[in-house]
Protein backbone atom coordinates (compact mmCIF):
# COMPACT_ATOMS: atom_id res chain seq x y z
CA MET A 1 -36.25 -41.82 -7.95
CA SER A 2 -37.83 -41.48 -4.02
CA THR A 3 -39.33 -38.26 -2.83
CA ALA A 4 -38.58 -37.29 0.75
CA SER A 5 -39.58 -34.40 3.27
CA LEU A 6 -36.23 -33.16 5.07
CA THR A 7 -36.18 -30.73 7.80
CA LEU A 8 -33.44 -28.73 8.36
CA LYS A 9 -31.64 -28.45 11.49
CA ARG A 10 -33.42 -24.47 11.55
CA GLY A 11 -36.65 -26.35 11.48
CA VAL A 12 -37.82 -25.16 8.13
CA PRO A 13 -38.85 -28.15 5.75
CA ILE A 14 -38.63 -28.34 2.32
CA LEU A 15 -39.21 -31.28 -0.63
CA LEU A 16 -36.07 -32.85 -1.88
CA VAL A 17 -35.63 -35.17 -4.60
CA ILE A 18 -33.06 -38.04 -3.74
CA ILE A 19 -31.82 -40.41 -6.21
CA SER A 20 -30.60 -43.90 -4.78
CA ILE A 21 -27.47 -43.38 -6.94
CA ALA A 22 -26.42 -39.97 -4.64
CA SER A 23 -23.45 -41.03 -2.05
CA GLN A 24 -21.84 -38.80 0.22
CA THR A 25 -19.26 -36.83 -1.89
CA ALA A 26 -16.21 -34.05 -0.71
CA ALA A 27 -16.51 -30.84 -1.62
CA TRP A 28 -14.13 -27.85 -2.16
CA SER A 29 -11.77 -27.38 0.30
CA ASN A 30 -12.79 -24.61 3.32
CA GLY A 31 -9.03 -24.86 4.97
CA GLY A 32 -10.69 -27.68 7.55
CA TYR A 33 -13.72 -26.99 10.00
CA SER A 34 -13.30 -23.57 12.01
CA SER A 35 -12.26 -23.75 15.67
CA ASP A 36 -13.67 -20.14 15.84
CA PRO A 37 -16.19 -18.67 13.79
CA ALA A 38 -15.20 -15.35 14.25
CA ASP A 39 -11.73 -16.57 12.60
CA PRO A 40 -12.83 -19.27 9.70
CA ASP A 41 -10.17 -21.31 8.33
CA TYR A 42 -9.65 -20.54 4.50
CA GLY A 43 -10.33 -23.01 1.82
CA THR A 44 -11.48 -22.76 -1.92
CA HIS A 45 -15.26 -21.98 -0.84
CA ASP A 46 -13.15 -18.47 0.99
CA TRP A 47 -11.87 -17.62 -2.26
CA ILE A 48 -14.70 -18.21 -4.29
CA ALA A 49 -17.18 -16.33 -2.32
CA GLU A 50 -14.94 -13.73 -1.21
CA HIS A 51 -13.97 -12.91 -4.75
CA ALA A 52 -18.07 -12.91 -5.70
CA LEU A 53 -18.07 -9.72 -3.84
CA VAL A 54 -15.52 -7.84 -5.94
CA TRP A 55 -17.88 -7.59 -8.48
CA LEU A 56 -20.59 -6.12 -6.67
CA PRO A 57 -21.53 -2.12 -5.92
CA MET A 58 -21.36 -1.55 -1.96
CA SER A 59 -24.80 -0.70 -1.65
CA GLU A 60 -25.55 -4.49 -2.26
CA LYS A 61 -22.70 -5.97 -0.32
CA LYS A 62 -22.22 -3.87 2.76
CA TYR A 63 -23.94 -6.57 4.96
CA ILE A 64 -21.63 -9.03 3.96
CA VAL A 65 -19.18 -6.54 4.23
CA ASP A 66 -19.70 -5.99 7.53
CA ASN A 67 -20.27 -9.78 8.53
CA LYS A 68 -17.47 -11.33 6.39
CA PHE A 69 -16.60 -13.59 9.05
CA ALA A 70 -20.04 -14.82 9.09
CA TYR A 71 -20.14 -15.10 5.36
CA LEU A 72 -17.17 -16.90 5.38
CA TYR A 73 -17.85 -19.41 8.04
CA GLY A 74 -21.39 -19.89 6.29
CA THR A 75 -19.57 -21.30 3.29
CA GLU A 76 -18.05 -24.59 5.18
CA LEU A 77 -21.44 -25.29 6.81
CA PRO A 78 -23.13 -27.81 4.18
CA ASP A 79 -20.14 -29.96 4.83
CA ASN A 80 -19.78 -29.39 8.14
CA ASN A 81 -21.29 -31.61 10.74
CA VAL A 82 -19.67 -31.21 13.98
CA ALA A 83 -19.70 -27.49 14.42
CA PRO A 84 -23.57 -26.86 16.61
CA ASP A 85 -24.73 -24.93 13.22
CA GLY A 86 -23.43 -27.43 11.12
CA ILE A 87 -24.87 -29.12 8.11
CA GLY A 88 -22.94 -32.02 6.78
CA ASP A 89 -25.50 -33.17 4.33
CA GLN A 90 -22.56 -33.92 1.89
CA ASN A 91 -25.05 -36.28 -0.12
CA LEU A 92 -26.83 -33.36 -1.45
CA HIS A 93 -24.08 -31.34 -3.04
CA HIS A 94 -24.62 -32.86 -6.32
CA VAL A 95 -26.57 -31.97 -9.39
CA TYR A 96 -27.19 -35.02 -12.45
CA TYR A 97 -27.83 -33.95 -16.01
CA HIS A 98 -28.66 -36.63 -18.59
CA SER A 99 -26.54 -37.12 -22.19
CA ASP A 100 -29.55 -35.76 -23.97
CA HIS A 101 -29.49 -32.44 -21.27
CA SER A 102 -32.04 -33.45 -19.68
CA LEU A 103 -31.89 -32.88 -15.43
CA GLN A 104 -31.70 -36.08 -13.57
CA ASP A 105 -31.06 -34.67 -9.95
CA ASN A 106 -31.15 -31.12 -8.86
CA ALA A 107 -30.20 -32.09 -5.34
CA THR A 108 -28.22 -29.12 -4.76
CA ALA A 109 -30.21 -26.34 -7.01
CA LEU A 110 -32.86 -27.28 -3.67
CA ARG A 111 -30.49 -26.83 -1.48
CA ALA A 112 -29.41 -23.47 -2.38
CA SER A 113 -32.68 -21.98 -3.38
CA HIS A 114 -33.54 -22.47 0.05
CA GLU A 115 -30.60 -20.98 1.82
CA PHE A 116 -31.53 -18.30 -0.38
CA ASN A 117 -34.72 -17.44 0.39
CA VAL A 118 -33.63 -17.32 4.34
CA ALA A 119 -31.35 -15.30 3.45
CA ARG A 120 -33.59 -12.89 1.78
CA THR A 121 -35.74 -13.29 4.69
CA TYR A 122 -33.00 -12.35 7.02
CA LEU A 123 -31.82 -9.83 5.20
CA GLY A 124 -35.68 -8.01 4.81
CA ALA A 125 -35.67 -8.33 8.38
CA SER A 126 -32.21 -6.74 8.69
CA SER A 127 -30.59 -9.44 10.34
CA PHE A 128 -27.75 -8.73 8.57
CA GLN A 129 -24.88 -11.27 10.51
CA LEU A 130 -27.39 -13.94 9.66
CA ALA A 131 -28.18 -12.79 6.45
CA ALA A 132 -24.63 -12.97 5.31
CA LYS A 133 -24.03 -16.14 7.29
CA THR A 134 -27.04 -17.94 5.43
CA ALA A 135 -25.42 -16.12 1.81
CA GLY A 136 -22.61 -18.18 2.60
CA ILE A 137 -23.83 -21.24 3.20
CA MET A 138 -25.90 -21.02 -0.55
CA SER A 139 -22.49 -20.24 -1.78
CA GLY A 140 -21.12 -23.52 -0.21
CA TYR A 141 -23.88 -25.61 -2.21
CA LEU A 142 -24.12 -23.74 -5.22
CA THR A 143 -21.02 -23.61 -6.26
CA ASP A 144 -19.98 -27.19 -5.53
CA VAL A 145 -21.27 -27.99 -8.87
CA ALA A 146 -18.27 -26.36 -10.79
CA VAL A 147 -16.31 -29.31 -9.60
CA PHE A 148 -16.52 -32.23 -12.17
CA GLY A 149 -17.05 -34.85 -9.50
CA HIS A 150 -20.38 -32.97 -8.41
CA VAL A 151 -21.96 -33.50 -11.81
CA MET A 152 -21.01 -37.40 -12.13
CA GLY A 153 -22.18 -40.62 -10.17
CA SER A 154 -22.23 -44.48 -10.51
CA GLY A 155 -25.62 -44.35 -11.69
CA THR A 156 -25.20 -41.16 -14.20
CA ASP A 157 -24.54 -41.00 -18.25
CA TRP A 158 -20.63 -40.11 -17.02
CA GLY A 159 -19.93 -43.20 -14.85
CA ALA A 160 -18.35 -42.85 -11.68
CA GLU A 161 -15.62 -39.67 -10.64
CA SER A 162 -11.88 -41.05 -9.64
CA ASN A 163 -10.15 -38.39 -9.67
CA HIS A 164 -12.61 -36.12 -7.22
CA SER A 165 -10.93 -35.74 -4.07
CA GLU A 166 -7.46 -35.46 -5.63
CA TYR A 167 -8.96 -32.29 -7.86
CA GLU A 168 -10.23 -30.66 -4.54
CA ASP A 169 -7.29 -31.10 -2.77
CA ALA A 170 -5.09 -29.69 -5.42
CA VAL A 171 -6.97 -26.70 -6.05
CA GLY A 172 -7.45 -25.98 -2.11
CA VAL A 173 -3.28 -26.06 -2.00
CA SER A 174 -3.76 -22.40 -3.87
CA MET A 175 -6.53 -21.55 -1.62
CA THR A 176 -5.25 -20.80 1.60
CA SER A 177 -5.40 -16.82 1.11
CA TYR A 178 -7.85 -14.42 -0.97
CA ALA A 179 -4.45 -13.85 -3.15
CA SER A 180 -3.86 -17.13 -5.29
CA ASN A 181 -1.17 -17.52 -7.42
CA VAL A 182 -2.29 -19.85 -9.48
CA PHE A 183 -5.83 -18.99 -10.07
CA ASP A 184 -6.08 -15.47 -9.59
CA ARG A 185 -5.39 -14.47 -13.23
CA TYR A 186 -8.19 -16.48 -14.88
CA LEU A 187 -11.04 -14.18 -12.76
CA ALA A 188 -12.49 -12.12 -14.79
CA PHE A 189 -15.93 -10.12 -14.89
CA ASP A 190 -18.22 -10.96 -17.69
CA GLY A 191 -19.56 -7.24 -17.58
CA MET A 192 -23.42 -7.78 -16.18
CA LEU A 193 -24.70 -8.86 -12.78
CA ASP A 194 -27.88 -11.08 -13.94
CA HIS A 195 -30.80 -11.46 -11.88
CA VAL A 196 -31.34 -15.29 -11.54
CA THR A 197 -32.97 -17.24 -9.08
CA ALA A 198 -30.21 -19.62 -6.72
CA TYR A 199 -32.07 -22.33 -8.37
CA GLU A 200 -31.35 -21.69 -12.31
CA ALA A 201 -27.74 -20.26 -11.35
CA THR A 202 -27.14 -23.81 -9.62
CA LEU A 203 -27.93 -25.76 -12.53
CA SER A 204 -26.57 -23.24 -15.17
CA LEU A 205 -22.93 -23.80 -13.78
CA ALA A 206 -24.17 -27.52 -13.42
CA ARG A 207 -24.79 -27.77 -16.73
CA ASN A 208 -21.41 -25.52 -17.95
CA THR A 209 -19.48 -28.57 -15.64
CA THR A 210 -21.33 -31.32 -17.11
CA PHE A 211 -20.98 -30.37 -20.67
CA GLY A 212 -18.63 -27.67 -20.92
CA ASP A 213 -18.75 -24.22 -22.45
CA GLY A 214 -17.68 -24.57 -25.87
CA ALA A 215 -13.92 -22.65 -24.82
CA ALA A 216 -11.85 -23.15 -22.12
CA MET A 217 -14.52 -25.23 -19.91
CA LYS A 218 -13.95 -28.99 -20.96
CA ASP A 219 -16.92 -31.42 -19.83
CA CYS A 220 -16.66 -33.69 -16.93
CA VAL A 221 -15.65 -36.12 -18.46
CA TRP A 222 -13.00 -35.16 -20.21
CA MET A 223 -11.69 -33.74 -16.67
CA ASN A 224 -11.64 -36.38 -15.17
CA ASN A 225 -9.83 -38.72 -18.14
CA SER A 226 -7.40 -35.95 -18.78
CA TYR A 227 -6.44 -35.60 -15.13
CA ASP A 228 -3.01 -33.81 -15.02
CA TRP A 229 -2.47 -30.45 -13.59
CA SER A 230 1.04 -30.21 -16.07
CA ASN A 231 -1.45 -30.24 -18.97
CA PRO A 232 -2.20 -26.77 -19.80
CA LEU A 233 -5.59 -27.38 -21.47
CA PHE A 234 -6.55 -29.15 -17.89
CA LYS A 235 -5.11 -25.93 -16.03
CA ASP A 236 -7.12 -23.46 -17.88
CA SER A 237 -10.39 -25.73 -17.90
CA ALA A 238 -9.94 -25.57 -13.95
CA GLY A 239 -9.29 -21.69 -13.57
CA ALA A 240 -12.24 -21.76 -16.19
CA SER A 241 -14.56 -23.32 -14.13
CA LEU A 242 -13.65 -21.62 -10.53
CA ASN A 243 -14.04 -18.06 -13.04
CA ARG A 244 -18.00 -19.35 -13.62
CA ALA A 245 -18.25 -20.00 -10.43
CA VAL A 246 -17.33 -16.83 -8.85
CA ASN A 247 -19.63 -14.88 -11.99
CA VAL A 248 -22.70 -17.07 -11.06
CA LEU A 249 -22.18 -16.40 -7.32
CA ALA A 250 -22.02 -12.81 -8.03
CA ASP A 251 -25.39 -12.66 -9.48
CA VAL A 252 -27.22 -14.34 -7.48
CA LEU A 253 -25.85 -12.00 -4.34
CA HIS A 254 -27.11 -9.56 -6.78
CA SER A 255 -30.20 -10.90 -6.76
CA LEU A 256 -30.40 -11.50 -3.39
CA ALA A 257 -29.96 -7.57 -2.66
CA VAL A 258 -32.41 -6.66 -5.04
CA ASP A 259 -35.27 -9.24 -3.71
CA ALA A 260 -34.89 -8.50 -0.41
CA GLY A 261 -35.08 -4.78 -1.23
CA TYR A 262 -31.42 -3.99 0.77
CA GLN A 263 -30.04 -0.89 -0.51
CA ALA A 264 -26.91 0.30 1.36
CA HIS A 265 -27.08 4.24 2.17
CA ASP A 266 -23.57 5.93 2.01
CA ALA A 267 -23.50 8.55 4.96
CA ASP A 268 -19.79 8.72 5.32
CA ALA A 269 -17.48 10.97 3.38
CA PRO A 270 -14.82 9.89 1.72
CA ALA A 271 -10.84 9.77 2.94
CA VAL A 272 -8.40 11.60 1.11
CA LEU A 273 -4.90 11.94 1.95
CA ILE A 274 -2.00 14.16 0.18
CA VAL A 275 0.96 12.41 0.34
CA SER A 276 3.19 14.17 -2.68
CA PRO A 277 5.53 16.01 -2.08
CA THR A 278 4.94 15.90 1.61
CA ALA A 279 2.39 14.41 3.85
CA ASP A 280 3.07 17.07 6.31
CA SER A 281 0.59 20.06 6.49
CA ALA A 282 3.47 22.47 4.84
CA TRP A 283 6.04 22.16 1.84
CA ILE A 284 7.93 25.65 0.83
CA THR A 285 9.24 25.24 -2.58
CA ALA A 286 11.75 27.60 -4.79
CA SER A 287 8.99 27.06 -7.93
CA SER A 288 6.25 28.81 -9.17
CA SER A 289 4.01 25.58 -9.60
CA VAL A 290 3.79 22.07 -7.40
CA THR A 291 2.47 18.37 -8.15
CA LEU A 292 0.31 17.01 -5.62
CA GLY A 293 -0.26 13.37 -5.47
CA GLY A 294 -2.25 11.41 -3.12
CA THR A 295 -4.60 8.56 -1.89
CA ALA A 296 -9.23 8.59 -1.81
CA PHE A 297 -10.64 6.06 -0.54
CA ASP A 298 -14.30 5.29 -0.13
CA GLU A 299 -16.30 2.12 0.92
CA PHE A 300 -19.22 2.78 -1.83
CA GLY A 301 -16.09 4.55 -4.53
CA VAL A 302 -14.61 7.64 -4.95
CA THR A 303 -16.22 9.12 -8.03
CA ASN A 304 -14.04 12.39 -8.26
CA VAL A 305 -11.46 14.50 -7.20
CA THR A 306 -10.90 18.16 -7.32
CA TRP A 307 -8.24 20.77 -6.42
CA LEU A 308 -8.78 24.87 -5.12
CA ASN A 309 -5.65 27.43 -4.52
CA ALA A 310 -7.17 29.38 -1.86
CA ALA A 311 -4.69 32.12 -2.99
CA ASN A 312 -5.55 32.71 -6.46
CA GLY A 313 -9.50 30.74 -6.50
CA ALA A 314 -7.88 28.84 -9.30
CA SER A 315 -9.84 24.97 -9.18
CA GLY A 316 -9.29 21.62 -11.38
CA ALA A 317 -10.20 18.50 -11.70
CA ALA A 318 -7.50 15.78 -10.44
CA THR A 319 -6.32 13.16 -12.45
CA GLY A 320 -7.26 9.91 -11.15
CA THR A 321 -9.59 8.90 -8.28
CA GLU A 322 -8.12 6.56 -5.43
CA SER A 323 -4.53 7.21 -6.46
CA TRP A 324 -4.46 11.00 -7.89
CA THR A 325 -2.05 13.71 -9.38
CA VAL A 326 -2.86 17.54 -9.50
CA ALA A 327 -0.37 19.92 -10.91
CA VAL A 328 -1.29 23.52 -9.67
CA ASN A 329 0.68 27.05 -10.60
CA LEU A 330 1.28 29.34 -7.59
CA LEU A 331 1.53 32.79 -6.33
CA PRO A 332 4.23 34.36 -4.04
CA ASP A 333 4.65 33.41 -0.59
CA LEU A 334 1.48 31.25 0.92
CA ASN A 335 -0.66 29.11 -0.92
CA SER A 336 -3.64 26.84 0.73
CA ILE A 337 -4.37 24.57 -1.45
CA THR A 338 -7.34 21.65 -0.80
CA VAL A 339 -8.26 18.60 -2.26
CA THR A 340 -11.56 17.30 -2.17
CA ALA A 341 -13.14 13.78 -2.40
CA TYR A 342 -16.61 12.81 -3.74
CA ASP A 343 -18.51 9.90 -3.26
CA ALA A 344 -21.86 8.91 -5.67
CA ALA A 345 -23.84 9.95 -2.58
CA GLY A 346 -22.21 13.34 -2.60
CA ASN A 347 -20.26 13.18 0.68
CA ALA A 348 -16.59 15.28 0.49
CA GLY A 349 -13.79 14.61 2.21
CA THR A 350 -10.67 16.99 2.43
CA ASP A 351 -6.85 17.23 3.11
CA ILE A 352 -5.24 20.58 3.07
CA LEU A 353 -1.36 21.59 1.82
CA ASN A 354 -0.02 24.87 2.43
CA VAL A 355 2.69 25.64 -0.22
CA THR A 356 4.96 28.09 0.41
CA SER A 357 6.48 29.79 -3.14
CA ASP A 358 10.00 31.34 -2.26
CA THR A 359 11.71 31.93 -5.17
CA MET A 360 14.17 35.49 -3.70
CA PRO A 361 17.35 33.81 -2.68
CA PRO A 362 18.81 34.86 0.91
CA THR A 363 21.36 37.55 1.89
CA VAL A 364 24.56 36.25 3.40
CA THR A 365 27.56 38.89 4.43
CA ILE A 366 30.62 37.81 6.08
CA GLY A 367 31.87 40.52 8.77
CA SER A 368 35.07 39.12 10.26
CA PRO A 369 37.69 38.89 8.51
CA GLU A 370 37.34 42.15 6.80
CA ASN A 371 37.53 42.11 2.80
CA ASN A 372 41.45 42.74 2.07
CA SER A 373 42.74 41.76 5.42
CA VAL A 374 46.07 40.27 5.84
CA LEU A 375 46.54 36.77 7.59
CA THR A 376 49.15 35.92 9.64
CA SER A 377 48.00 32.72 11.00
CA ALA A 378 46.77 29.28 9.28
CA THR A 379 43.58 29.31 11.02
CA VAL A 380 40.53 31.69 11.10
CA THR A 381 37.15 32.32 12.26
CA VAL A 382 34.67 33.20 9.91
CA SER A 383 31.74 35.11 11.12
CA GLY A 384 29.01 37.10 9.69
CA SER A 385 25.30 37.34 8.96
CA ALA A 386 22.21 35.70 6.75
CA TRP A 387 18.78 36.80 6.37
CA ASP A 388 15.88 35.50 3.94
CA ASN A 389 12.22 36.70 3.66
CA VAL A 390 11.25 33.03 4.85
CA ALA A 391 14.11 31.35 6.58
CA VAL A 392 17.56 30.49 6.23
CA GLN A 393 18.17 26.91 6.49
CA LYS A 394 21.89 26.66 6.86
CA VAL A 395 25.39 28.81 6.32
CA TRP A 396 28.80 27.40 4.77
CA ILE A 397 31.98 28.71 4.64
CA SER A 398 34.69 27.53 1.98
CA ALA A 399 38.70 28.62 1.19
CA ASP A 400 38.08 27.36 -2.39
CA GLY A 401 34.29 27.47 -3.45
CA VAL A 402 34.59 23.68 -3.83
CA ASN A 403 34.75 22.26 -0.28
CA TRP A 404 32.22 23.61 2.45
CA ALA A 405 32.12 23.52 6.30
CA GLU A 406 28.90 23.83 7.88
CA CYS A 407 28.75 26.82 10.31
CA ALA A 408 27.07 27.11 13.73
CA GLY A 409 23.98 29.31 13.05
CA THR A 410 22.63 31.75 10.36
CA ALA A 411 21.75 35.10 11.88
CA PRO A 412 24.71 35.33 13.16
CA TRP A 413 27.28 32.43 12.25
CA SER A 414 30.53 31.69 12.56
CA GLY A 415 32.82 28.86 11.29
CA ARG A 416 36.68 27.95 11.03
CA LEU A 417 38.73 27.99 7.82
CA THR A 418 42.19 26.56 7.55
CA LEU A 419 43.95 28.62 5.25
CA SER A 420 47.14 28.19 2.70
CA PRO A 421 49.39 30.92 1.40
CA ALA A 422 47.86 29.87 -1.68
CA THR A 423 44.16 31.29 -0.12
CA LYS A 424 42.72 34.38 -2.03
CA TRP A 425 39.07 34.39 -0.97
CA ILE A 426 37.01 33.15 1.63
CA TYR A 427 33.50 32.72 0.23
CA ALA A 428 30.20 32.46 2.21
CA LYS A 429 27.23 30.04 1.01
CA ALA A 430 23.51 30.40 2.47
CA THR A 431 20.51 28.33 1.37
CA ASP A 432 16.71 29.13 2.65
CA THR A 433 14.08 26.68 3.51
CA ALA A 434 12.69 26.73 -0.41
CA GLY A 435 16.27 25.50 -1.59
CA ASN A 436 17.44 28.98 -2.66
CA SER A 437 21.25 29.76 -2.17
CA ASN A 438 23.22 32.79 -2.66
CA ILE A 439 27.06 33.21 -2.24
CA THR A 440 29.47 36.00 -0.93
CA ARG A 441 33.51 36.45 -0.76
CA ILE A 442 36.17 38.79 0.80
CA GLN A 443 39.89 38.80 -1.04
CA VAL A 444 42.46 37.85 1.85
CA THR A 445 46.10 37.84 1.65
CA VAL A 446 47.91 34.90 3.86
CA ASP A 447 51.29 35.86 5.36
CA LEU A 448 52.28 32.85 7.17
CA PRO A 449 56.00 32.84 8.75
CA PRO A 450 58.24 30.98 7.29
CA SER A 451 58.57 27.65 7.85
CA GLY A 452 60.04 26.20 11.02
CA SER A 453 59.78 29.75 12.68
CA SER A 454 56.89 30.89 15.79
CA GLU A 455 55.65 33.18 17.84
CA TRP A 456 58.19 33.14 20.39
CA TRP A 457 61.33 34.09 18.11
CA PRO A 458 61.78 37.41 20.25
CA VAL A 459 62.13 35.71 23.39
CA ALA A 460 65.19 33.55 21.23
CA LEU A 461 66.65 36.39 19.84
CA PHE A 462 66.98 38.33 23.65
CA LEU A 463 68.48 35.11 25.13
CA VAL A 464 71.10 34.94 22.28
CA VAL A 465 72.25 38.46 22.68
CA ALA A 466 72.00 38.53 26.48
CA VAL A 467 74.72 35.20 26.15
CA ALA A 468 76.78 37.36 23.79
CA ILE A 469 76.77 40.39 26.32
CA GLY A 470 78.06 37.87 29.25
CA ALA A 471 80.75 36.69 27.51
CA PHE A 472 81.87 39.59 26.40
CA LEU A 473 82.05 41.06 29.95
CA ALA A 474 83.85 37.65 31.71
CA TRP A 475 86.22 38.30 28.24
CA MET A 476 86.72 41.79 29.58
CA ARG A 477 87.55 41.06 33.14
CA SER A 478 89.76 38.25 31.99
CA ARG A 479 92.33 40.88 30.36
CA ARG A 480 92.67 43.20 33.59
CA ARG A 481 94.12 40.22 35.34
CA SER A 482 96.62 39.35 33.10
CA PRO A 483 100.42 39.31 34.01
CA LYS A 484 101.85 42.02 31.29
CA ASN A 485 99.49 44.35 33.01
CA GLU A 486 100.70 43.90 36.47
CA GLY A 487 102.38 46.50 37.97
CA LYS A 488 101.46 49.62 35.62
CA LEU A 489 99.09 52.34 37.07
CA GLU A 490 95.50 52.51 36.26
């Protein structure tokens, strides 16, 4: 072994233990090197770093959430020797153990520890963007040792790895966004955020990668020699190592916030929205109760949701928080229902729905034609009036009580119907905005002219009579001129 003093680009000297057997190695993918730090490329390092945040309380991670792009960009800097703020020390991304479990080389544990201390200084000084970025750098070093290739080398008891880059590339194909259809199913919180140094966390993860965890996570030699993604044991071991990396990183980020004395304060009220039975501000129902449903959101988490009906003073707790439902009994007419969501700091957000309970059906009358009318036309205009204690929505008319035609207007209203001699009733139906309805009817007799007749038959009859009279007068004149009447005195 040899020791050397290394000065980082930020000008902070540290002491590293460098072994001559160390060689430059690849690392988890970042989807390439980002051309824009404000829009970092996405890869395995980003997936691990972002999922670790899920298990942290908002009070410990808000500085990262508010500067997430800087955090994700930081994860690529240990590998990146191109960017102005890149580090590119790929020969220091390993931890080696002897077969007797003693430590052989702690290179990346030292690097992770250094970045932890820098991030803690930034966080304590409220330099949140730099703290988030440096936390990302630390994450890059720490989680590299979840790869079997980063715990193997030609000078180790395990020998050199032979499927290092292939393994990282294969994993990276499924890590192009926060959601991985291959590895998301392996994520499981271990149930506790432990306080641990970045140094010890890196060594702990490297030990698991080297020797396995006694369960799904296989040892490094097995992973290297059994490289086969069609083997369920191999795939499950890869998933277990990724899950272990996420859990370990969550512990270290928790410890970073604790050591820096960072505790974000929640000054914002939750956002709560009523979306059912409507997202509008008012609703009318024919029922004496209503079920409301909606959502609530708060960066720090929603603790509970309650409701209050101002019409009768009734109140209660909703079922659920981020997605909630409430069942409320209504009084007749207006019920102003307020839904309130609370967070742990006591901040409250509200939404209101004004619900009108209308159980009274509308009234509807037919004014024309009158009841018991005799109708001599196949079409008739029907008109009348309708009323409701809230509002009439529509009026329909029918000649059989089955097929309905919508009318124009409500109070008054009118419409046209086609009748037949079999028509005995004319119906009118009114509905209100709550869905209540009422039907009335009148009796009619339909007496249509015989088939083929029309309204001009009196004119036709007059013409026939006129023609007959003219013919008769012509006949009379012709008789007077006949020869047998000549010489007779008139």
